[in-house]
Amino acid sequence: MTNQNKRYRRPRWHIAQFKVEEAAGKVRFHDLFLPIALMRAIQEVGYQYCSPIQAMTLPYALAGFDCIGKAQTGTGKTAAFLITAITDLLEHRLEEQYLGEPRALILAPTRELALQIAEDAQQLTKYSRLKVVAVVGGMDFEKQQKQLAEQRVDIMVATPGRLIDFMNRKLVFLDQIELLVIDEADRMLDMGFIPDIKTIVRATPRTENRQTLMFSATFSQDILNLAERWTNEPVQVEVEPLTKTSDDVEQHVYIISADEKYQVLRRILRRPEADRVLVFANRKDIVRDLSENLKKDGIECEVLSGDVPQNKRIRTLDGFKEGKFEVLVATDVAGRGIHIDGVSHVINYTLPEDAEDYVHRIGRTGRAGKKGVSISFACEDDSFLIPAIEEYVKAKIDVEMLPEHLRTDEIVDAAVEVDSNVDSALEEDSPSVTPVQTKVEDLDDEDDDSHKPVGEVTAVNVDQTEAGPEITVDVDFNDPDDEDDFDGDNIGNVAIEADAPKS
């Protein structure tokens, strides 16, 4: 056989390639005896140890028990129910399966959350033959219909309204559902989706003939009543952090008037440390007006609200994630279930009326071990909401006066200019190469030469003081006639004082 006729196969993946050390008090995914195709995907997405909600839920869910879990967004509950669904489907394959008949159904309250769950499911099913389909409103109906008509579906992620539409058109049948997941049940209740969910649940097999997992951020009596009707002797799991806000988020609440808000927002966005910023407001008209004004002031931004068509929402989120623009102005449609890495700042232009939304908003920054900053504006219209937020997060929120560096545009301009000059000077290997023009006091009152460069920078020193950074620039002055005014080496020191954000 010639070399040309040889067929090379990619070596099969083995669990030995996924090494995770045992650790006291932690549950490894290895300890759950999951299917090999799923373990390979878990390794690829970077999971090693179970989060608390996963460690508490998975042993029961994998054994077939119904579960109701109390957990906030970001605790890992999505992976908990996806791993349960994928394991069940891989271990109990069907010999025959018809189009439009999913085996696992995941219900989510918003399109964005449903699409995020579907994306996570795609990653975890990468090395299996399971098919994932998202059925959500606000997107091309015919495209979703074609997808269902051309391939089987194992896992369906859906919003209630669009799913019922497909059911009424006889395009989706739920009589073969083995696992039903209801995510963010409290949000479903608040948004008025419970009648739709009742219709959907009635179309699935009886509670004793299917497994049901239900997750909610709160266990109100209404939620517990629904769980009693939709689950069969469920295991109840509660995971609630001692503090609902991350230690990686530096929180500030500034007391300012409503008339000051926009100018302060613009100053924050113009500062160099504001790298990728999410700005939240409660109403769609506020979001729209903010975006228009920011664009007029030369700040690139986009809008995410209920008025934006779904396909444009997806493009907007993708553009923000890819860094095509630095500011996203949004209503709370972006506050839940959206994972955007690298958000440096979250700004609450208006305080949320629901204290829980405050947690979801600021949770968009300080992710994946990175530090983030949350800034909230509290004016005469919404400062009364602060006590409810403090009660919900179980922590005191320090209310601050507006810091000096955000009070005028001139200070912000000076900070940006100094940052730029210092960076360019420090980047040069030879300090004598680049002349830096800096506005300083006239060295000679008789000659008006302040518009001319005074010399070349030979050194830049930055000292941290209690009042902020003090920058000293050593300059080699050009005029030899003024030599007596300086030291023998004709070197002068020019001190530049600038306010900077507190570290």
Protein backbone atom coordinates (compact mmCIF):
# COMPACT_ATOMS: atom_id res chain seq x y z
CA MET A 1 0.00 0.00 0.00
CA THR A 2 1.44 3.36 -1.03
CA ASN A 3 1.52 6.34 1.26
CA GLN A 4 -1.07 7.99 -0.98
CA ASN A 5 -3.57 5.22 -0.24
CA LYS A 6 -3.16 5.38 3.52
CA ARG A 7 -6.03 6.90 5.48
CA TYR A 8 -5.05 8.77 8.59
CA ARG A 9 -7.57 8.92 11.40
CA ARG A 10 -7.58 11.45 14.16
CA PRO A 11 -6.65 9.64 17.37
CA ARG A 12 -9.60 8.89 19.62
CA TRP A 13 -9.94 11.02 22.73
CA HIS A 14 -9.45 9.24 26.06
CA ILE A 15 -10.53 10.33 29.52
CA ALA A 16 -6.87 10.05 30.58
CA GLN A 17 -6.28 13.23 28.58
CA PHE A 18 -8.56 15.10 31.01
CA LYS A 19 -6.64 15.28 34.28
CA VAL A 20 -8.23 17.03 37.26
CA GLU A 21 -6.74 16.56 40.73
CA GLU A 22 -9.00 15.61 43.61
CA ALA A 23 -9.63 18.53 45.95
CA ALA A 24 -11.16 18.57 49.41
CA GLY A 25 -14.73 19.85 49.39
CA LYS A 26 -14.98 19.89 45.59
CA VAL A 27 -16.81 17.56 43.22
CA ARG A 28 -15.08 16.78 39.93
CA PHE A 29 -17.10 16.00 36.83
CA HIS A 30 -15.04 12.80 36.71
CA ASP A 31 -16.81 11.71 39.90
CA LEU A 32 -20.22 11.72 38.17
CA PHE A 33 -19.38 9.01 35.57
CA LEU A 34 -20.67 11.01 32.62
CA PRO A 35 -20.61 9.78 28.98
CA ILE A 36 -17.22 10.09 27.30
CA ALA A 37 -18.50 12.41 24.53
CA LEU A 38 -19.87 14.77 27.16
CA MET A 39 -16.67 14.67 29.22
CA ARG A 40 -14.65 15.64 26.15
CA ALA A 41 -16.89 18.67 25.62
CA ILE A 42 -16.69 19.56 29.32
CA GLN A 43 -12.91 19.58 29.11
CA GLU A 44 -13.02 21.78 26.02
CA VAL A 45 -15.22 24.44 27.63
CA GLY A 46 -12.90 24.52 30.63
CA TYR A 47 -14.99 22.96 33.41
CA GLN A 48 -13.11 21.07 36.11
CA TYR A 49 -15.06 21.19 39.36
CA CYS A 50 -18.80 21.47 39.90
CA SER A 51 -20.24 24.73 41.18
CA PRO A 52 -22.33 24.41 44.38
CA ILE A 53 -25.65 24.18 42.48
CA GLN A 54 -24.16 21.56 40.15
CA ALA A 55 -22.67 19.53 43.00
CA MET A 56 -25.99 19.52 44.86
CA THR A 57 -28.30 18.98 41.86
CA LEU A 58 -26.49 16.59 39.52
CA PRO A 59 -26.33 13.47 41.75
CA TYR A 60 -30.14 13.55 42.11
CA ALA A 61 -30.93 14.74 38.58
CA LEU A 62 -28.67 12.11 36.97
CA ALA A 63 -30.43 9.46 39.06
CA GLY A 64 -33.77 10.53 37.55
CA PHE A 65 -35.25 12.55 40.41
CA ASP A 66 -37.26 15.70 39.84
CA CYS A 67 -35.56 18.79 41.30
CA ILE A 68 -36.50 22.34 42.12
CA GLY A 69 -33.48 24.58 42.57
CA LYS A 70 -33.15 28.02 44.07
CA ALA A 71 -30.21 29.70 42.41
CA GLN A 72 -29.24 33.07 40.97
CA THR A 73 -28.08 33.68 37.41
CA GLY A 74 -24.39 32.90 37.05
CA THR A 75 -24.29 30.02 39.55
CA GLY A 76 -23.93 27.33 36.89
CA LYS A 77 -27.50 26.04 36.84
CA THR A 78 -27.59 26.04 33.02
CA ALA A 79 -24.78 23.50 32.87
CA ALA A 80 -26.52 21.46 35.59
CA PHE A 81 -29.68 20.86 33.58
CA LEU A 82 -27.87 20.57 30.23
CA ILE A 83 -25.54 17.88 31.59
CA THR A 84 -28.58 16.03 32.96
CA ALA A 85 -30.39 16.21 29.62
CA ILE A 86 -27.38 15.20 27.50
CA THR A 87 -26.51 12.28 29.78
CA ASP A 88 -30.07 10.94 29.70
CA LEU A 89 -30.32 11.21 25.91
CA LEU A 90 -26.95 9.55 25.30
CA GLU A 91 -27.62 6.69 27.70
CA HIS A 92 -31.17 6.01 26.45
CA ARG A 93 -31.10 6.21 22.69
CA LEU A 94 -34.24 5.68 20.60
CA GLU A 95 -34.35 3.29 17.67
CA GLU A 96 -36.83 5.50 15.86
CA GLN A 97 -37.50 9.21 16.18
CA TYR A 98 -39.81 11.48 14.20
CA LEU A 99 -39.38 15.06 13.05
CA GLY A 100 -40.75 17.73 15.34
CA GLU A 101 -40.65 15.48 18.42
CA PRO A 102 -38.02 16.71 20.91
CA ARG A 103 -36.96 14.46 23.77
CA ALA A 104 -35.83 17.28 26.08
CA LEU A 105 -37.54 20.67 26.35
CA ILE A 106 -36.02 23.72 28.04
CA LEU A 107 -38.28 26.75 28.58
CA ALA A 108 -36.76 30.20 29.12
CA PRO A 109 -38.50 33.56 29.65
CA THR A 110 -36.54 35.66 27.14
CA ARG A 111 -35.16 35.18 23.66
CA GLU A 112 -31.68 36.20 24.75
CA LEU A 113 -31.57 33.65 27.55
CA ALA A 114 -32.98 30.91 25.30
CA LEU A 115 -30.34 31.59 22.65
CA GLN A 116 -27.59 31.58 25.27
CA ILE A 117 -28.79 28.21 26.61
CA ALA A 118 -28.91 26.83 23.06
CA GLU A 119 -25.36 28.04 22.45
CA ASP A 120 -24.16 26.34 25.65
CA ALA A 121 -25.99 23.17 24.60
CA GLN A 122 -24.26 23.23 21.22
CA GLN A 123 -20.89 23.35 22.96
CA LEU A 124 -21.70 20.45 25.29
CA THR A 125 -23.11 18.28 22.47
CA LYS A 126 -20.18 18.98 20.13
CA TYR A 127 -18.88 15.40 20.26
CA SER A 128 -22.23 13.64 20.27
CA ARG A 129 -24.84 13.31 17.53
CA LEU A 130 -27.51 15.12 19.49
CA LYS A 131 -29.32 17.94 17.70
CA VAL A 132 -30.17 21.23 19.41
CA VAL A 133 -32.83 23.62 18.09
CA ALA A 134 -33.89 27.04 19.41
CA VAL A 135 -37.51 28.06 18.90
CA VAL A 136 -37.85 31.71 19.89
CA GLY A 137 -39.98 34.69 18.94
CA GLY A 138 -38.71 37.73 17.07
CA MET A 139 -36.68 35.65 14.62
CA ASP A 140 -37.34 34.20 11.17
CA PHE A 141 -40.28 31.81 11.59
CA GLU A 142 -39.73 30.08 8.23
CA LYS A 143 -36.06 29.45 9.00
CA GLN A 144 -36.95 27.76 12.29
CA GLN A 145 -39.71 25.80 10.56
CA LYS A 146 -37.27 24.62 7.89
CA GLN A 147 -34.78 23.54 10.55
CA LEU A 148 -37.43 21.40 12.24
CA ALA A 149 -38.53 19.90 8.91
CA GLU A 150 -35.03 18.90 7.81
CA GLN A 151 -33.64 17.20 10.90
CA ARG A 152 -34.70 15.54 14.10
CA VAL A 153 -34.45 17.51 17.33
CA ASP A 154 -33.20 16.04 20.59
CA ILE A 155 -33.00 19.18 22.73
CA MET A 156 -35.38 22.06 22.12
CA VAL A 157 -34.82 25.41 23.82
CA ALA A 158 -37.88 27.64 23.53
CA THR A 159 -39.72 30.71 24.69
CA PRO A 160 -43.37 29.94 25.57
CA GLY A 161 -45.14 32.10 22.97
CA ARG A 162 -43.26 30.87 19.89
CA LEU A 163 -43.45 27.25 21.06
CA ILE A 164 -47.24 27.42 21.36
CA ASP A 165 -47.35 28.91 17.85
CA PHE A 166 -45.45 25.89 16.51
CA MET A 167 -47.66 23.52 18.48
CA ASN A 168 -50.84 25.11 17.09
CA ARG A 169 -49.49 24.67 13.55
CA LYS A 170 -48.80 20.97 14.24
CA LEU A 171 -45.08 21.48 13.67
CA VAL A 172 -43.97 20.46 17.19
CA PHE A 173 -45.30 17.58 19.31
CA LEU A 174 -44.40 17.18 22.97
CA ASP A 175 -45.74 13.70 23.69
CA GLN A 176 -42.21 12.20 23.63
CA ILE A 177 -40.67 14.60 26.15
CA GLU A 178 -38.51 12.75 28.66
CA LEU A 179 -37.03 15.80 30.42
CA LEU A 180 -38.73 19.16 30.99
CA VAL A 181 -36.72 22.12 32.29
CA ILE A 182 -38.38 25.37 33.40
CA ASP A 183 -35.69 28.00 33.89
CA GLU A 184 -36.18 31.26 35.81
CA ALA A 185 -39.69 30.30 36.91
CA ASP A 186 -40.03 33.48 38.96
CA ARG A 187 -39.31 35.56 35.88
CA MET A 188 -41.92 33.53 33.95
CA LEU A 189 -44.42 34.37 36.66
CA ASP A 190 -43.59 38.08 36.60
CA MET A 191 -43.87 38.25 32.80
CA GLY A 192 -47.28 36.58 32.72
CA PHE A 193 -46.16 33.37 30.99
CA ILE A 194 -47.74 30.93 33.44
CA PRO A 195 -50.93 30.34 31.34
CA ASP A 196 -48.72 29.52 28.32
CA ILE A 197 -46.55 27.19 30.38
CA LYS A 198 -49.64 25.39 31.68
CA THR A 199 -50.68 24.76 28.06
CA ILE A 200 -47.21 23.46 27.23
CA VAL A 201 -46.97 21.22 30.30
CA ARG A 202 -50.37 19.65 29.52
CA ALA A 203 -49.01 18.61 26.09
CA THR A 204 -46.12 16.67 27.69
CA PRO A 205 -46.38 13.23 29.36
CA ARG A 206 -47.73 13.07 32.92
CA THR A 207 -45.40 14.05 35.75
CA GLU A 208 -44.68 10.43 36.69
CA ASN A 209 -43.66 9.66 33.09
CA ARG A 210 -41.18 12.50 32.63
CA GLN A 211 -38.42 14.13 34.66
CA THR A 212 -38.86 17.80 35.55
CA LEU A 213 -36.23 20.29 36.67
CA MET A 214 -37.37 23.73 37.76
CA PHE A 215 -35.13 26.66 38.70
CA SER A 216 -36.00 29.98 40.28
CA ALA A 217 -34.14 32.83 41.97
CA THR A 218 -36.81 32.89 44.68
CA PHE A 219 -39.12 30.34 46.28
CA SER A 220 -42.31 32.33 46.70
CA GLN A 221 -45.50 30.51 47.62
CA ASP A 222 -46.71 30.85 44.03
CA ILE A 223 -43.55 29.16 42.74
CA LEU A 224 -43.85 26.35 45.28
CA ASN A 225 -47.50 25.82 44.29
CA LEU A 226 -46.51 25.52 40.62
CA ALA A 227 -43.68 23.14 41.50
CA GLU A 228 -46.13 20.93 43.38
CA ARG A 229 -48.32 20.67 40.29
CA TRP A 230 -45.56 20.17 37.71
CA THR A 231 -43.10 17.92 39.56
CA ASN A 232 -43.24 14.49 41.18
CA GLU A 233 -41.79 14.32 44.72
CA PRO A 234 -38.98 16.74 43.88
CA VAL A 235 -35.68 17.15 45.65
CA GLN A 236 -35.38 20.77 46.79
CA VAL A 237 -31.97 22.40 46.40
CA GLU A 238 -31.13 25.90 47.60
CA VAL A 239 -27.92 27.72 46.81
CA GLU A 240 -27.83 31.34 47.88
CA PRO A 241 -24.55 33.21 48.32
CA LEU A 242 -24.02 35.16 51.52
CA THR A 243 -23.56 38.25 49.39
CA LYS A 244 -25.41 38.47 46.11
CA THR A 245 -22.91 40.86 44.51
CA SER A 246 -19.42 39.84 43.49
CA ASP A 247 -16.33 40.99 45.36
CA ASP A 248 -14.78 41.56 41.93
CA VAL A 249 -17.15 44.47 41.29
CA GLU A 250 -16.19 47.87 42.74
CA GLN A 251 -19.52 49.58 43.42
CA HIS A 252 -20.19 53.32 43.49
CA VAL A 253 -23.48 55.19 43.95
CA TYR A 254 -23.23 58.90 43.20
CA ILE A 255 -25.82 61.40 44.43
CA ILE A 256 -26.40 63.84 41.56
CA SER A 257 -29.31 65.78 40.13
CA ALA A 258 -31.26 64.54 37.12
CA ASP A 259 -29.90 67.46 35.07
CA GLU A 260 -26.29 66.40 35.75
CA LYS A 261 -26.66 62.77 34.72
CA TYR A 262 -25.90 63.00 31.03
CA GLN A 263 -22.84 65.21 31.40
CA VAL A 264 -21.39 62.92 34.07
CA LEU A 265 -22.11 59.85 31.94
CA ARG A 266 -20.28 61.41 29.01
CA ARG A 267 -17.29 62.24 31.21
CA ILE A 268 -17.08 58.64 32.49
CA LEU A 269 -17.24 57.24 28.96
CA ARG A 270 -14.44 59.54 27.81
CA ARG A 271 -12.02 58.40 30.50
CA PRO A 272 -9.35 55.95 29.26
CA GLU A 273 -10.20 53.22 31.79
CA ALA A 274 -13.77 52.94 30.42
CA ASP A 275 -12.91 50.19 27.97
CA ARG A 276 -16.19 48.35 27.32
CA VAL A 277 -19.26 49.81 29.01
CA LEU A 278 -22.86 48.72 29.54
CA VAL A 279 -25.25 51.59 30.33
CA PHE A 280 -28.63 50.58 31.78
CA ALA A 281 -31.83 52.61 31.91
CA ASN A 282 -35.36 51.59 32.90
CA ARG A 283 -37.26 52.81 29.84
CA LYS A 284 -36.88 52.38 26.10
CA ASP A 285 -37.28 56.10 25.40
CA ILE A 286 -34.43 56.96 27.81
CA VAL A 287 -32.20 54.39 26.13
CA ARG A 288 -33.02 55.77 22.69
CA ASP A 289 -32.37 59.40 23.70
CA LEU A 290 -29.09 58.48 25.41
CA SER A 291 -27.83 56.69 22.33
CA GLU A 292 -28.70 59.59 20.03
CA ASN A 293 -26.99 62.14 22.28
CA LEU A 294 -23.86 60.02 22.74
CA LYS A 295 -23.52 59.57 18.99
CA LYS A 296 -23.81 63.34 18.51
CA ASP A 297 -20.94 63.72 21.00
CA GLY A 298 -18.77 61.32 19.02
CA ILE A 299 -19.16 58.24 21.25
CA GLU A 300 -19.84 55.06 19.29
CA CYS A 301 -22.68 53.09 20.84
CA GLU A 302 -25.63 50.85 20.02
CA VAL A 303 -29.02 50.14 21.61
CA LEU A 304 -30.48 46.94 23.04
CA SER A 305 -34.15 47.12 24.02
CA GLY A 306 -37.51 45.49 23.37
CA ASP A 307 -38.02 47.69 20.30
CA VAL A 308 -34.98 46.24 18.54
CA PRO A 309 -35.79 43.27 16.23
CA GLN A 310 -34.32 39.99 17.40
CA ASN A 311 -31.94 39.49 14.48
CA LYS A 312 -30.54 42.99 15.06
CA ARG A 313 -30.20 42.28 18.80
CA ILE A 314 -28.01 39.31 18.00
CA ARG A 315 -25.84 41.36 15.62
CA THR A 316 -25.58 44.11 18.22
CA LEU A 317 -24.48 41.72 20.97
CA ASP A 318 -21.96 40.08 18.65
CA GLY A 319 -20.56 43.48 17.68
CA PHE A 320 -20.22 44.48 21.33
CA LYS A 321 -18.52 41.19 22.21
CA GLU A 322 -16.10 41.63 19.29
CA GLY A 323 -15.23 45.20 20.29
CA LYS A 324 -16.70 46.91 17.21
CA PHE A 325 -18.06 49.59 19.54
CA GLU A 326 -17.36 50.29 23.21
CA VAL A 327 -20.72 51.36 24.64
CA LEU A 328 -23.98 49.41 24.73
CA VAL A 329 -27.05 51.25 26.05
CA ALA A 330 -29.73 48.81 27.19
CA THR A 331 -32.87 48.16 29.12
CA ASP A 332 -33.05 45.13 31.42
CA VAL A 333 -33.52 42.89 28.40
CA ALA A 334 -29.70 42.64 28.51
CA GLY A 335 -29.45 42.23 32.27
CA ARG A 336 -30.19 38.54 32.55
CA GLY A 337 -28.48 35.52 31.05
CA ILE A 338 -26.20 37.44 28.69
CA HIS A 339 -22.50 36.56 28.95
CA ILE A 340 -20.20 39.30 27.67
CA ASP A 341 -16.55 39.01 28.60
CA GLY A 342 -14.41 42.04 29.25
CA VAL A 343 -17.04 44.57 30.36
CA SER A 344 -15.03 47.13 32.36
CA HIS A 345 -17.94 49.27 33.60
CA VAL A 346 -21.67 48.94 34.21
CA ILE A 347 -23.46 52.26 34.63
CA ASN A 348 -26.98 52.45 36.04
CA TYR A 349 -28.21 55.68 34.47
CA THR A 350 -31.45 55.05 36.36
CA LEU A 351 -31.65 52.77 39.39
CA PRO A 352 -33.74 49.65 38.69
CA GLU A 353 -37.18 49.51 40.26
CA ASP A 354 -36.66 45.82 41.05
CA ALA A 355 -33.76 45.26 43.46
CA GLU A 356 -32.99 41.90 41.86
CA ASP A 357 -32.33 43.64 38.54
CA TYR A 358 -29.55 45.62 40.25
CA VAL A 359 -27.70 42.36 40.91
CA HIS A 360 -28.24 41.13 37.36
CA ARG A 361 -27.06 44.42 35.88
CA ILE A 362 -23.80 44.78 37.79
CA GLY A 363 -23.16 41.06 37.33
CA ARG A 364 -22.33 41.81 33.68
CA THR A 365 -18.92 43.08 34.85
CA GLY A 366 -16.34 41.53 37.18
CA ARG A 367 -16.68 38.15 35.45
CA ALA A 368 -14.21 35.30 34.98
CA GLY A 369 -11.95 36.57 37.77
CA LYS A 370 -11.53 40.04 36.27
CA LYS A 371 -12.23 43.24 38.18
CA GLY A 372 -15.09 45.50 37.16
CA VAL A 373 -16.66 48.81 38.16
CA SER A 374 -20.34 49.56 38.77
CA ILE A 375 -21.48 53.19 38.87
CA SER A 376 -25.07 54.11 39.74
CA PHE A 377 -26.65 57.54 39.52
CA ALA A 378 -29.09 58.33 42.33
CA CYS A 379 -31.10 61.50 41.80
CA GLU A 380 -34.21 62.99 43.35
CA ASP A 381 -36.39 60.64 41.25
CA ASP A 382 -34.98 57.26 42.26
CA SER A 383 -32.73 57.54 45.34
CA PHE A 384 -35.59 56.15 47.44
CA LEU A 385 -34.91 52.75 45.80
CA ILE A 386 -31.54 52.35 47.55
CA PRO A 387 -32.86 50.83 50.83
CA ALA A 388 -34.65 48.05 48.94
CA ILE A 389 -31.45 47.25 47.03
CA GLU A 390 -29.46 47.17 50.28
CA GLU A 391 -31.99 44.81 51.82
CA TYR A 392 -31.87 42.49 48.82
CA VAL A 393 -28.06 42.32 48.57
CA LYS A 394 -27.75 42.14 52.36
CA ALA A 395 -25.08 44.82 52.38
CA LYS A 396 -24.76 48.53 53.06
CA ILE A 397 -24.28 50.64 49.93
CA ASP A 398 -22.13 53.71 50.52
CA VAL A 399 -23.60 56.75 48.81
CA GLU A 400 -20.95 59.19 47.58
CA MET A 401 -20.78 62.75 46.35
CA LEU A 402 -19.61 63.12 42.79
CA PRO A 403 -15.79 62.88 42.74
CA GLU A 404 -13.80 65.90 41.66
CA HIS A 405 -12.49 64.28 38.47
CA LEU A 406 -16.04 63.95 37.09
CA ARG A 407 -17.31 67.44 37.89
CA THR A 408 -16.05 69.30 34.82
CA ASP A 409 -15.13 68.42 31.27
CA GLU A 410 -11.80 70.25 31.60
CA ILE A 411 -10.55 67.86 34.29
CA VAL A 412 -11.52 64.84 32.19
CA ASP A 413 -9.77 66.35 29.13
CA ALA A 414 -6.64 66.97 31.21
CA ALA A 415 -6.63 63.40 32.53
CA VAL A 416 -7.00 61.96 29.04
CA GLU A 417 -4.26 64.26 27.64
CA VAL A 418 -1.85 63.44 30.47
CA ASP A 419 -2.49 59.71 30.07
CA SER A 420 -1.77 60.01 26.36
CA ASN A 421 1.41 62.04 26.82
CA VAL A 422 2.76 59.82 29.58
CA ASP A 423 2.06 56.64 27.62
CA SER A 424 3.76 57.93 24.50
CA ALA A 425 6.78 59.15 26.47
CA LEU A 426 7.19 55.92 28.39
CA GLU A 427 6.94 53.83 25.22
CA GLU A 428 10.03 55.49 23.67
CA ASP A 429 13.35 53.70 24.19
CA SER A 430 15.27 56.96 23.66
CA PRO A 431 13.74 59.84 25.67
CA SER A 432 15.33 62.47 23.42
CA VAL A 433 13.60 61.26 20.26
CA THR A 434 10.09 62.66 20.78
CA PRO A 435 9.47 66.29 21.66
CA VAL A 436 6.36 66.68 23.82
CA GLN A 437 4.44 69.92 23.68
CA THR A 438 2.98 70.65 27.11
CA LYS A 439 1.11 73.73 28.23
CA VAL A 440 3.18 75.22 31.09
CA GLU A 441 3.46 78.62 32.69
CA ASP A 442 5.40 81.15 30.66
CA LEU A 443 9.08 80.92 31.52
CA ASP A 444 9.68 84.49 30.39
CA ASP A 445 6.95 87.07 30.93
CA GLU A 446 8.47 89.43 28.37
CA ASP A 447 8.24 87.03 25.39
CA ASP A 448 5.00 85.41 24.36
CA ASP A 449 6.44 82.06 23.23
CA SER A 450 4.01 79.81 25.10
CA HIS A 451 2.72 78.41 21.82
CA LYS A 452 6.16 77.00 20.95
CA PRO A 453 7.73 73.74 22.20
CA VAL A 454 9.95 74.58 25.18
CA GLY A 455 12.30 71.70 24.57
CA GLU A 456 12.66 67.94 24.51
CA VAL A 457 11.49 65.56 27.22
CA THR A 458 14.34 63.58 28.75
CA ALA A 459 12.49 61.79 31.56
CA VAL A 460 8.96 61.27 32.85
CA ASN A 461 8.40 60.34 36.53
CA VAL A 462 5.03 59.40 38.00
CA ASP A 463 4.70 59.47 41.82
CA GLN A 464 1.54 58.39 43.59
CA THR A 465 0.44 60.84 46.29
CA GLU A 466 -2.65 61.09 48.48
CA ALA A 467 -4.00 63.79 46.17
CA GLY A 468 -3.49 61.60 43.09
CA PRO A 469 -0.65 60.99 40.62
CA GLU A 470 2.04 63.68 40.46
CA ILE A 471 3.84 63.70 37.12
CA THR A 472 7.28 65.32 36.77
CA VAL A 473 8.70 65.90 33.29
CA ASP A 474 12.42 66.67 32.81
CA VAL A 475 12.88 68.96 29.81
CA ASP A 476 16.05 69.90 27.90
CA PHE A 477 15.33 73.55 27.07
CA ASN A 478 16.30 74.89 23.65
CA ASP A 479 17.34 78.50 24.41
CA PRO A 480 21.01 78.64 25.50
CA ASP A 481 20.63 82.28 26.51
CA ASP A 482 18.42 81.23 29.41
CA GLU A 483 21.05 78.87 30.78
CA ASP A 484 21.59 80.95 33.93
CA ASP A 485 17.95 80.48 34.89
CA PHE A 486 18.45 76.72 35.23
CA ASP A 487 21.05 74.36 36.55
CA GLY A 488 24.36 73.65 34.85
CA ASP A 489 23.03 70.87 32.66
CA ASN A 490 20.30 73.08 31.25
CA ILE A 491 17.61 70.72 32.58
CA GLY A 492 14.34 71.97 34.02
CA ASN A 493 11.54 70.16 35.88
CA VAL A 494 7.93 70.82 34.94
CA ALA A 495 5.33 69.41 37.33
CA ILE A 496 1.93 68.49 35.96
CA GLU A 497 -0.82 67.86 38.46
CA ALA A 498 -3.83 65.85 37.36
CA ASP A 499 -6.79 64.26 39.09
CA ALA A 500 -7.21 60.59 38.45
CA PRO A 501 -9.75 57.97 39.47
CA LYS A 502 -9.15 56.45 42.84
CA SER A 503 -7.72 52.98 42.68
